[in-house]
Amino acid sequence: MPTVTCFGAAREVTGSCHLLEAAGVGRFLLDCGMHQGGDAVDRVQDEVFAFDPASLDAVILSHAHLDHSGLLPRLFHEGFSGPLLCTEATAELLVIMLKDAAGLYLRDLERANLRNRRRGRGEIAPRYTMEDVDAVIRACKGYAYNQRVALADGASLVFQDAGHILGSAIIEIRCMEAGEVRTLVYSGDLGKTDSVLMRRPATLQHADLVMMESTYGDREHRTEIDTVAEFREILRDTWARGGNVMIPAFAVGRTQEILFHLGCLYHAGELDDWQVFLDSPMAIAVTETYNNWLRLLDDTDMKALEAAHRASLNTFLPTLRLTPDTEQSMAINRIKSGAIIIAGSGMCTGGRIRHHIKQRIWDERNTLIFAGFQARGTLGRLLVDGIRKIRLFQDEFVVKAQIETLGGLSAHAGQSELVAWLSAFDRCPATVLVHGEASAQIALAERLQTELGIEAGIPERGEVIAF
């Protein structure tokens, strides 16, 4: 009987990593993500694989977000040499994501080792190098949605559109064991049904085991219409105060959605005279990739771009300024009011957003808008939870800026959407909940039991599930 072992995103939101094993078929890793929160060097150094990377036959990747892909270079560094299977768009995004993450990690490691040398301590050896990133990229094999891909004798997979970010996929794997076909469906991250740019998540009908994400298993999102109305009011209020807006945004998905909404506000004459800055080299590169794959995005939303006679997300918003260089980023600090600054990272764990927070968090005229999930242990989570003082760059800052959360811009399905997605299966499959905090998983499991009669499991890290 095939088994899946949950080595990450078990009763937590980040670090997705699941090992599928089937006798006579092979060993396949579903995602290889890093945990979010804390120092970048510590995150990479502290991760330990509970399996031998060299023993894997392949890695199957649901999408490019780092909490699903960020440890791939380390996996290669520690002996994995097989293929990496994903969608075509994910393969293109990985080049940007992993090179950027590796650059940050290696620079932080260099600074940490400089401090160690000054203190007479030993140096920290890198857990992976840029050569390992190149090995990941060479190993990538991209496939179209709905294309059946052979894994081994008696096993195949299909990527279905998850509607989460560009290239995101639901993974369906069929294994033949003892003359019987067993089907695993791993949801990856499921998008909202009304997200702009992205299509609705595909629905499937049959599975022996469903591994479903549960990030927002205990809550619903506001509708897209209500969220945009709230966004508009926040911008108006901040404009009236003479302030600036900071938006910590994930480079893949959230940034492009925010640009689309700002473009729509601009063309409706509702953006005032805001100057909009995309202050993230990675987000700039990712947005160009989105422009290359517009055909994969939602047809209805694409009509808005066509109606405005625009060729890309960039030009849809004429007031947008790209600031890839450090000097351009620092120049934003001289703007006293009227700036919307979109910068990474989305959970404020690194990147340029921390510098902008340093410059503006203490000014009550300003607003900090969160537009995505904030994991425990991140600066973003502390700010959302109401912390009044923070430490950044060895200094303490009082939090006086307005802190706002736009839950409706999440790229994840809410509770009712998760229930509806699972209800599409033709019978009640065995179900386990992953990629969620325990409280969200318990709430979702209770609703699944009540409405669908499904007794969903909530695996712990290292737990083995047979199907």
Protein backbone atom coordinates (compact mmCIF):
# COMPACT_ATOMS: atom_id res chain seq x y z
CA MET A 1 0.00 0.00 0.00
CA PRO A 2 1.45 3.44 -0.92
CA THR A 3 2.31 5.81 1.92
CA VAL A 4 2.87 9.52 2.40
CA THR A 5 5.03 10.86 5.22
CA CYS A 6 4.56 14.49 6.22
CA PHE A 7 7.95 16.06 6.89
CA GLY A 8 6.79 19.69 6.73
CA ALA A 9 3.70 21.92 6.80
CA ALA A 10 2.28 19.50 9.38
CA ARG A 11 0.27 21.56 11.88
CA GLU A 12 2.08 24.61 10.54
CA VAL A 13 1.73 26.79 7.46
CA THR A 14 5.22 26.81 5.98
CA GLY A 15 7.89 24.26 5.06
CA SER A 16 5.83 22.00 2.78
CA CYS A 17 7.53 18.63 2.31
CA HIS A 18 5.84 15.23 1.87
CA LEU A 19 7.38 11.90 0.86
CA LEU A 20 5.36 9.52 -1.31
CA GLU A 21 6.55 5.89 -1.38
CA ALA A 22 5.09 3.04 -3.37
CA ALA A 23 6.60 -0.45 -3.52
CA GLY A 24 8.05 -1.23 -6.92
CA VAL A 25 7.29 2.30 -8.13
CA GLY A 26 9.59 4.72 -6.35
CA ARG A 27 10.08 7.52 -3.82
CA PHE A 28 8.80 10.95 -4.77
CA LEU A 29 9.05 14.17 -2.78
CA LEU A 30 6.07 16.52 -2.98
CA ASP A 31 7.48 20.02 -2.48
CA CYS A 32 10.66 20.96 -0.67
CA GLY A 33 9.90 24.21 1.11
CA MET A 34 11.63 26.26 3.74
CA HIS A 35 10.11 27.56 6.95
CA GLN A 36 9.35 31.27 7.15
CA GLY A 37 10.27 33.53 10.04
CA GLY A 38 13.52 34.37 11.79
CA ASP A 39 16.97 34.98 10.37
CA ALA A 40 17.60 33.72 6.82
CA VAL A 41 20.87 32.03 7.75
CA ASP A 42 19.34 30.32 10.78
CA ARG A 43 16.38 29.11 8.72
CA VAL A 44 18.59 27.41 6.14
CA GLN A 45 21.21 26.13 8.59
CA ASP A 46 18.70 24.63 11.00
CA GLU A 47 16.70 22.61 8.47
CA VAL A 48 17.37 18.86 8.51
CA PHE A 49 16.08 16.32 6.01
CA ALA A 50 14.62 13.27 7.73
CA PHE A 51 15.33 11.16 4.65
CA ASP A 52 18.24 10.56 2.29
CA PRO A 53 17.97 13.03 -0.63
CA ALA A 54 19.97 10.66 -2.84
CA SER A 55 17.30 7.98 -2.43
CA LEU A 56 14.58 10.05 -4.14
CA ASP A 57 13.52 9.24 -7.68
CA ALA A 58 12.02 12.68 -8.39
CA VAL A 59 10.69 15.85 -6.80
CA ILE A 60 7.22 17.04 -7.78
CA LEU A 61 6.63 20.73 -7.14
CA SER A 62 3.21 22.34 -6.68
CA HIS A 63 4.37 25.95 -7.21
CA ALA A 64 7.25 28.38 -6.86
CA HIS A 65 6.64 30.03 -3.48
CA LEU A 66 9.68 29.52 -1.24
CA ASP A 67 7.73 27.75 1.50
CA HIS A 68 7.20 25.04 -1.14
CA SER A 69 10.47 25.28 -3.10
CA GLY A 70 13.09 27.10 -1.02
CA LEU A 71 15.12 24.07 0.13
CA LEU A 72 15.54 22.56 -3.33
CA PRO A 73 19.15 23.83 -3.65
CA ARG A 74 20.02 22.23 -0.33
CA LEU A 75 18.37 18.97 -1.44
CA PHE A 76 20.68 18.90 -4.47
CA HIS A 77 23.66 19.88 -2.32
CA GLU A 78 23.00 16.85 -0.12
CA GLY A 79 22.84 14.31 -2.90
CA PHE A 80 19.60 14.48 -4.89
CA SER A 81 20.27 14.19 -8.62
CA GLY A 82 16.92 13.30 -10.16
CA PRO A 83 14.38 15.33 -12.14
CA LEU A 84 12.26 18.17 -10.78
CA LEU A 85 8.76 18.05 -12.24
CA CYS A 86 6.50 21.12 -12.27
CA THR A 87 4.41 23.26 -14.61
CA GLU A 88 6.04 25.30 -17.35
CA ALA A 89 5.34 28.64 -15.66
CA THR A 90 6.66 27.36 -12.33
CA ALA A 91 9.92 26.33 -13.99
CA GLU A 92 10.33 29.89 -15.29
CA LEU A 93 9.51 31.47 -11.93
CA LEU A 94 11.93 29.20 -10.06
CA VAL A 95 14.88 30.77 -11.86
CA ILE A 96 13.97 34.14 -10.34
CA MET A 97 12.87 32.90 -6.93
CA LEU A 98 15.77 30.60 -6.12
CA LYS A 99 18.52 32.88 -7.43
CA ASP A 100 17.14 35.77 -5.40
CA ALA A 101 16.79 33.67 -2.25
CA ALA A 102 20.29 32.23 -2.67
CA GLY A 103 21.76 35.70 -3.14
CA LEU A 104 20.16 36.89 0.10
CA TYR A 105 21.21 33.77 1.99
CA LEU A 106 24.83 33.89 0.84
CA ARG A 107 25.11 37.63 1.55
CA ASP A 108 23.65 37.16 5.03
CA LEU A 109 26.00 34.22 5.59
CA GLU A 110 28.98 36.35 4.57
CA ARG A 111 27.97 39.04 7.08
CA ALA A 112 27.44 36.44 9.81
CA ASN A 113 30.89 34.97 9.18
CA LEU A 114 32.46 38.44 9.27
CA ARG A 115 30.95 38.95 12.72
CA ASN A 116 32.19 35.53 13.81
CA ARG A 117 35.73 36.30 12.65
CA ARG A 118 35.71 39.58 14.58
CA ARG A 119 34.64 37.68 17.71
CA GLY A 120 37.13 34.87 17.23
CA ARG A 121 34.46 32.30 16.39
CA GLY A 122 34.46 29.64 13.71
CA GLU A 123 32.87 30.27 10.34
CA ILE A 124 29.53 28.79 9.26
CA ALA A 125 29.79 26.58 6.20
CA PRO A 126 27.13 27.21 3.54
CA ARG A 127 24.41 24.60 3.29
CA TYR A 128 24.20 25.23 -0.45
CA THR A 129 25.79 27.38 -3.14
CA MET A 130 24.74 29.11 -6.32
CA GLU A 131 25.99 26.04 -8.21
CA ASP A 132 23.28 24.04 -6.46
CA VAL A 133 20.69 26.56 -7.63
CA ASP A 134 21.95 26.06 -11.18
CA ALA A 135 21.59 22.29 -10.71
CA VAL A 136 17.96 22.76 -9.67
CA ILE A 137 17.25 24.85 -12.75
CA ARG A 138 18.88 22.29 -15.06
CA ALA A 139 16.81 19.51 -13.49
CA CYS A 140 13.48 21.30 -14.05
CA LYS A 141 11.06 19.67 -16.46
CA GLY A 142 8.01 21.83 -17.12
CA TYR A 143 4.66 20.43 -18.23
CA ALA A 144 1.32 21.87 -19.29
CA TYR A 145 -1.82 21.61 -17.22
CA ASN A 146 -3.83 18.40 -17.80
CA GLN A 147 -0.88 16.63 -19.45
CA ARG A 148 -0.36 13.11 -18.11
CA VAL A 149 3.29 12.52 -17.21
CA ALA A 150 4.86 9.09 -16.64
CA LEU A 151 6.73 8.81 -13.35
CA ALA A 152 7.73 5.15 -13.50
CA ASP A 153 6.23 1.83 -14.48
CA GLY A 154 2.77 1.90 -12.98
CA ALA A 155 2.79 5.56 -11.90
CA SER A 156 1.84 8.86 -13.52
CA LEU A 157 0.92 12.40 -12.57
CA VAL A 158 -1.20 15.27 -13.86
CA PHE A 159 -0.91 18.94 -12.93
CA GLN A 160 -4.26 20.74 -12.58
CA ASP A 161 -4.65 24.51 -12.16
CA ALA A 162 -4.76 25.43 -8.44
CA GLY A 163 -5.63 29.08 -9.08
CA HIS A 164 -3.16 30.26 -6.40
CA ILE A 165 -0.35 31.94 -8.35
CA LEU A 166 1.00 31.68 -11.87
CA GLY A 167 1.81 28.03 -12.56
CA SER A 168 0.41 26.73 -9.27
CA ALA A 169 -0.85 23.17 -9.46
CA ILE A 170 -2.96 20.54 -7.82
CA ILE A 171 -0.96 17.31 -8.11
CA GLU A 172 -2.79 14.09 -8.99
CA ILE A 173 -0.70 10.91 -8.83
CA ARG A 174 -1.83 7.41 -9.79
CA CYS A 175 0.17 4.41 -8.54
CA MET A 176 -0.30 0.79 -9.50
CA GLU A 177 0.41 -1.51 -6.60
CA ALA A 178 -0.52 -5.20 -6.35
CA GLY A 179 -2.64 -4.82 -9.47
CA GLU A 180 -4.69 -1.99 -8.01
CA VAL A 181 -4.63 1.71 -8.95
CA ARG A 182 -4.39 4.07 -5.99
CA THR A 183 -4.83 7.82 -6.48
CA LEU A 184 -3.32 10.61 -4.38
CA VAL A 185 -4.46 14.21 -4.80
CA TYR A 186 -2.26 16.85 -3.21
CA SER A 187 -3.94 20.24 -3.38
CA GLY A 188 -0.82 22.35 -3.05
CA ASP A 189 -2.13 25.84 -2.25
CA LEU A 190 -5.67 26.45 -3.49
CA GLY A 191 -6.65 29.92 -4.68
CA LYS A 192 -9.84 31.84 -4.03
CA THR A 193 -12.63 31.43 -6.53
CA ASP A 194 -12.91 35.20 -7.08
CA SER A 195 -9.22 36.14 -7.22
CA VAL A 196 -8.33 38.52 -10.00
CA LEU A 197 -5.94 37.29 -12.70
CA MET A 198 -6.13 33.66 -11.55
CA ARG A 199 -8.62 31.09 -12.79
CA ARG A 200 -10.79 29.13 -10.37
CA PRO A 201 -9.08 26.05 -8.92
CA ALA A 202 -9.79 22.91 -10.91
CA THR A 203 -12.10 20.37 -9.28
CA LEU A 204 -11.36 16.64 -9.30
CA GLN A 205 -13.71 13.71 -8.85
CA HIS A 206 -11.72 10.73 -7.60
CA ALA A 207 -9.02 10.07 -5.02
CA ASP A 208 -8.13 7.47 -2.45
CA LEU A 209 -6.31 10.10 -0.39
CA VAL A 210 -6.63 13.88 -0.51
CA MET A 211 -3.98 16.06 1.13
CA MET A 212 -5.63 19.46 1.37
CA GLU A 213 -4.18 22.76 2.48
CA SER A 214 -5.91 24.52 5.40
CA THR A 215 -4.23 27.91 5.77
CA TYR A 216 -7.57 29.69 6.20
CA GLY A 217 -9.49 26.68 7.49
CA ASP A 218 -11.02 28.70 10.34
CA ARG A 219 -12.18 31.81 8.51
CA GLU A 220 -13.73 33.31 5.43
CA HIS A 221 -12.39 36.06 3.20
CA ARG A 222 -14.19 39.22 2.32
CA THR A 223 -15.36 39.32 -1.26
CA GLU A 224 -13.10 40.85 -3.85
CA ILE A 225 -15.58 43.72 -4.33
CA ASP A 226 -15.70 44.53 -0.60
CA THR A 227 -11.92 44.25 -0.32
CA VAL A 228 -11.30 46.69 -3.15
CA ALA A 229 -13.78 49.11 -1.56
CA GLU A 230 -11.88 48.82 1.74
CA PHE A 231 -8.57 49.31 -0.09
CA ARG A 232 -9.94 52.45 -1.75
CA GLU A 233 -11.04 53.88 1.62
CA ILE A 234 -7.69 53.16 3.27
CA LEU A 235 -5.91 54.98 0.45
CA ARG A 236 -8.29 57.94 0.71
CA ASP A 237 -7.87 58.21 4.48
CA THR A 238 -4.09 58.05 4.24
CA TRP A 239 -4.10 60.63 1.45
CA ALA A 240 -6.19 62.96 3.63
CA ARG A 241 -3.70 62.57 6.49
CA GLY A 242 -0.81 63.45 4.18
CA GLY A 243 0.80 60.07 4.67
CA ASN A 244 2.38 57.26 2.70
CA VAL A 245 1.32 53.64 2.25
CA MET A 246 3.63 50.64 2.67
CA ILE A 247 2.53 47.26 1.35
CA PRO A 248 4.70 44.23 2.19
CA ALA A 249 3.91 42.04 -0.80
CA PHE A 250 4.87 38.58 -1.90
CA ALA A 251 6.75 38.94 -5.18
CA VAL A 252 4.76 36.18 -6.85
CA GLY A 253 1.00 36.61 -7.07
CA ARG A 254 0.15 39.27 -4.51
CA THR A 255 2.23 42.00 -6.11
CA GLN A 256 0.63 41.46 -9.51
CA GLU A 257 -2.87 41.43 -8.00
CA ILE A 258 -2.22 44.71 -6.16
CA LEU A 259 -0.91 46.32 -9.36
CA PHE A 260 -4.04 45.18 -11.19
CA HIS A 261 -6.34 46.68 -8.55
CA LEU A 262 -4.38 49.94 -8.49
CA GLY A 263 -4.60 50.05 -12.29
CA CYS A 264 -8.37 49.61 -12.14
CA LEU A 265 -8.63 52.42 -9.56
CA TYR A 266 -6.48 54.65 -11.77
CA HIS A 267 -8.65 54.09 -14.86
CA ALA A 268 -11.76 54.74 -12.76
CA GLY A 269 -10.30 58.09 -11.63
CA GLU A 270 -10.12 56.92 -7.99
CA LEU A 271 -6.38 56.81 -7.30
CA ASP A 272 -5.87 60.51 -6.48
CA ASP A 273 -2.31 61.52 -7.36
CA TRP A 274 -0.52 58.67 -5.64
CA GLN A 275 2.97 57.82 -6.84
CA VAL A 276 3.26 54.01 -6.93
CA PHE A 277 6.66 52.36 -6.46
CA LEU A 278 7.40 48.70 -7.07
CA ASP A 279 10.52 48.49 -4.95
CA SER A 280 11.55 44.87 -5.37
CA PRO A 281 13.93 43.60 -8.05
CA MET A 282 12.43 40.12 -7.74
CA ALA A 283 8.83 41.36 -7.99
CA ILE A 284 9.77 43.39 -11.06
CA ALA A 285 11.24 40.29 -12.72
CA VAL A 286 8.26 38.16 -11.68
CA THR A 287 5.81 40.69 -13.11
CA GLU A 288 7.62 40.44 -16.44
CA THR A 289 7.18 36.67 -16.25
CA TYR A 290 3.46 37.14 -15.60
CA ASN A 291 3.34 39.31 -18.72
CA ASN A 292 4.84 36.39 -20.67
CA TRP A 293 2.08 34.06 -19.45
CA LEU A 294 -1.01 36.27 -19.62
CA ARG A 295 -2.73 33.53 -21.64
CA LEU A 296 -2.82 31.36 -18.50
CA LEU A 297 -4.64 34.01 -16.49
CA ASP A 298 -8.35 34.61 -16.08
CA ASP A 299 -10.07 35.65 -19.31
CA THR A 300 -12.48 38.07 -17.61
CA ASP A 301 -9.70 40.02 -15.93
CA MET A 302 -7.69 40.09 -19.13
CA LYS A 303 -10.58 41.96 -20.77
CA ALA A 304 -9.95 44.85 -18.37
CA LEU A 305 -6.40 45.08 -19.64
CA GLU A 306 -7.59 44.94 -23.26
CA ALA A 307 -10.27 47.57 -22.67
CA ALA A 308 -7.58 49.94 -21.41
CA HIS A 309 -5.42 49.11 -24.46
CA ARG A 310 -2.52 47.99 -22.31
CA ALA A 311 0.01 45.35 -23.20
CA SER A 312 1.11 44.34 -19.70
CA LEU A 313 0.46 44.70 -16.00
CA ASN A 314 3.24 47.31 -15.82
CA THR A 315 1.76 49.72 -18.33
CA PHE A 316 -1.80 49.18 -17.07
CA LEU A 317 -0.79 51.52 -14.21
CA PRO A 318 0.84 54.64 -15.76
CA THR A 319 1.85 56.06 -12.36
CA LEU A 320 3.93 52.96 -11.57
CA ARG A 321 7.66 53.49 -11.08
CA LEU A 322 10.05 50.55 -10.95
CA THR A 323 13.04 50.93 -8.61
CA PRO A 324 15.35 47.96 -9.10
CA ASP A 325 18.52 49.79 -7.97
CA THR A 326 19.42 50.42 -4.33
CA GLU A 327 19.93 54.14 -4.98
CA GLN A 328 16.44 54.41 -6.48
CA SER A 329 15.01 52.61 -3.47
CA MET A 330 16.74 54.92 -1.02
CA ALA A 331 15.48 57.97 -2.94
CA ILE A 332 11.91 57.02 -1.97
CA ASN A 333 12.79 58.02 1.59
CA ARG A 334 12.82 61.66 0.50
CA ILE A 335 9.13 61.57 -0.43
CA LYS A 336 7.18 63.05 2.48
CA SER A 337 3.68 62.05 1.38
CA GLY A 338 1.67 60.51 -1.44
CA ALA A 339 3.77 57.38 -2.05
CA ILE A 340 2.46 53.83 -2.27
CA ILE A 341 5.46 51.55 -1.73
CA ILE A 342 5.12 47.89 -2.66
CA ALA A 343 8.15 45.94 -1.46
CA GLY A 344 9.15 42.49 -0.27
CA SER A 345 9.16 40.46 1.73
CA GLY A 346 5.50 39.70 2.26
CA MET A 347 5.95 38.74 5.93
CA CYS A 348 8.58 41.44 6.58
CA THR A 349 11.25 38.80 7.28
CA GLY A 350 13.75 40.52 4.97
CA GLY A 351 14.02 42.64 1.88
CA ARG A 352 13.50 46.35 1.32
CA ILE A 353 10.19 46.60 3.17
CA ARG A 354 12.09 46.52 6.46
CA HIS A 355 13.99 49.66 5.46
CA HIS A 356 10.74 51.42 4.56
CA ILE A 357 9.20 50.33 7.87
CA LYS A 358 12.22 51.81 9.65
CA GLN A 359 11.70 55.12 7.85
CA ARG A 360 7.93 55.42 8.37
CA ILE A 361 6.47 53.11 11.05
CA TRP A 362 6.77 55.77 13.77
CA ASP A 363 4.70 58.36 11.85
CA GLU A 364 0.95 58.20 12.57
CA ARG A 365 0.13 59.67 9.15
CA ASN A 366 1.37 56.54 7.40
CA THR A 367 -0.34 53.21 6.80
CA LEU A 368 1.07 49.70 6.61
CA ILE A 369 -1.23 47.35 4.68
CA PHE A 370 -0.88 43.58 4.95
CA ALA A 371 -2.39 41.65 2.06
CA GLY A 372 -1.49 38.06 2.90
CA PHE A 373 -1.03 35.46 5.62
CA GLN A 374 1.53 36.30 8.31
CA ALA A 375 3.16 33.21 9.81
CA ARG A 376 4.00 32.93 13.49
CA GLY A 377 7.39 34.32 14.40
CA THR A 378 7.50 36.89 11.60
CA LEU A 379 7.64 40.65 12.01
CA GLY A 380 4.47 40.88 9.94
CA ARG A 381 2.60 38.66 12.41
CA LEU A 382 3.82 40.75 15.37
CA LEU A 383 2.58 43.94 13.72
CA VAL A 384 -0.78 42.43 12.78
CA ASP A 385 -1.17 41.20 16.37
CA GLY A 386 -0.72 44.76 17.65
CA ILE A 387 2.85 45.04 18.93
CA ARG A 388 3.61 48.65 19.86
CA LYS A 389 7.40 48.63 19.68
CA ILE A 390 9.70 46.74 17.30
CA ARG A 391 13.44 46.32 16.84
CA LEU A 392 14.99 46.75 13.40
CA PHE A 393 18.66 47.09 12.49
CA GLN A 394 19.62 47.18 16.20
CA ASP A 395 17.26 50.13 16.89
CA GLU A 396 13.87 50.32 18.57
CA PHE A 397 10.91 51.96 16.86
CA VAL A 398 7.51 52.86 18.21
CA VAL A 399 4.60 51.70 16.05
CA LYS A 400 2.34 54.68 15.34
CA ALA A 401 1.44 54.05 11.70
CA GLN A 402 -2.00 52.60 10.98
CA ILE A 403 -1.87 48.82 10.57
CA GLU A 404 -4.45 47.41 8.16
CA THR A 405 -5.15 43.89 6.86
CA LEU A 406 -6.85 43.16 3.55
CA GLY A 407 -7.80 39.52 4.01
CA GLY A 408 -9.77 39.50 0.77
CA LEU A 409 -6.55 39.80 -1.22
CA SER A 410 -5.30 36.48 0.09
CA ALA A 411 -4.23 33.98 -2.56
CA HIS A 412 -5.65 31.13 -0.46
CA ALA A 413 -9.15 29.69 -0.41
CA GLY A 414 -11.27 30.46 2.63
CA GLN A 415 -13.03 27.83 4.73
CA SER A 416 -16.20 27.54 2.63
CA GLU A 417 -14.16 27.35 -0.58
CA LEU A 418 -12.06 24.52 0.86
CA VAL A 419 -15.20 22.62 1.86
CA ALA A 420 -16.73 23.18 -1.59
CA TRP A 421 -13.57 21.99 -3.36
CA LEU A 422 -13.47 18.77 -1.36
CA SER A 423 -17.21 18.18 -1.84
CA ALA A 424 -16.67 17.82 -5.62
CA PHE A 425 -15.13 14.34 -5.18
CA ASP A 426 -17.50 11.56 -6.18
CA ARG A 427 -17.25 9.81 -2.82
CA CYS A 428 -15.80 10.70 0.56
CA PRO A 429 -12.06 10.18 0.13
CA ALA A 430 -9.65 9.72 3.01
CA THR A 431 -8.51 13.26 3.79
CA VAL A 432 -5.66 14.83 5.72
CA LEU A 433 -5.17 18.53 6.36
CA VAL A 434 -1.73 20.07 5.84
CA HIS A 435 -0.28 23.57 5.46
CA GLY A 436 -2.23 25.17 8.29
CA GLU A 437 -1.95 26.07 11.95
CA ALA A 438 -3.58 23.57 14.32
CA SER A 439 -6.46 25.88 15.30
CA ALA A 440 -7.43 26.41 11.65
CA GLN A 441 -7.19 22.69 10.93
CA ILE A 442 -9.38 21.72 13.88
CA ALA A 443 -12.07 24.21 12.83
CA LEU A 444 -12.01 22.95 9.24
CA ALA A 445 -12.04 19.29 10.30
CA GLU A 446 -15.15 19.91 12.41
CA ARG A 447 -16.98 21.47 9.47
CA LEU A 448 -15.93 18.67 7.11
CA GLN A 449 -17.30 16.13 9.56
CA THR A 450 -20.58 18.01 9.98
CA GLU A 451 -21.26 18.85 6.33
CA LEU A 452 -19.56 16.11 4.32
CA GLY A 453 -19.22 13.28 6.81
CA ILE A 454 -15.46 13.27 6.22
CA GLU A 455 -13.27 12.60 9.24
CA ALA A 456 -10.16 14.52 8.24
CA GLY A 457 -6.84 13.66 9.83
CA ILE A 458 -4.39 16.27 11.06
CA PRO A 459 -0.97 14.63 10.79
CA GLU A 460 1.99 15.51 12.94
CA ARG A 461 5.44 15.93 11.48
CA GLY A 462 6.84 12.53 10.57
CA GLU A 463 3.45 10.82 10.59
CA VAL A 464 2.93 8.15 7.91
CA ILE A 465 -0.40 7.90 6.06
CA ALA A 466 -1.21 4.77 4.07
CA PHE A 467 -3.70 4.81 1.22
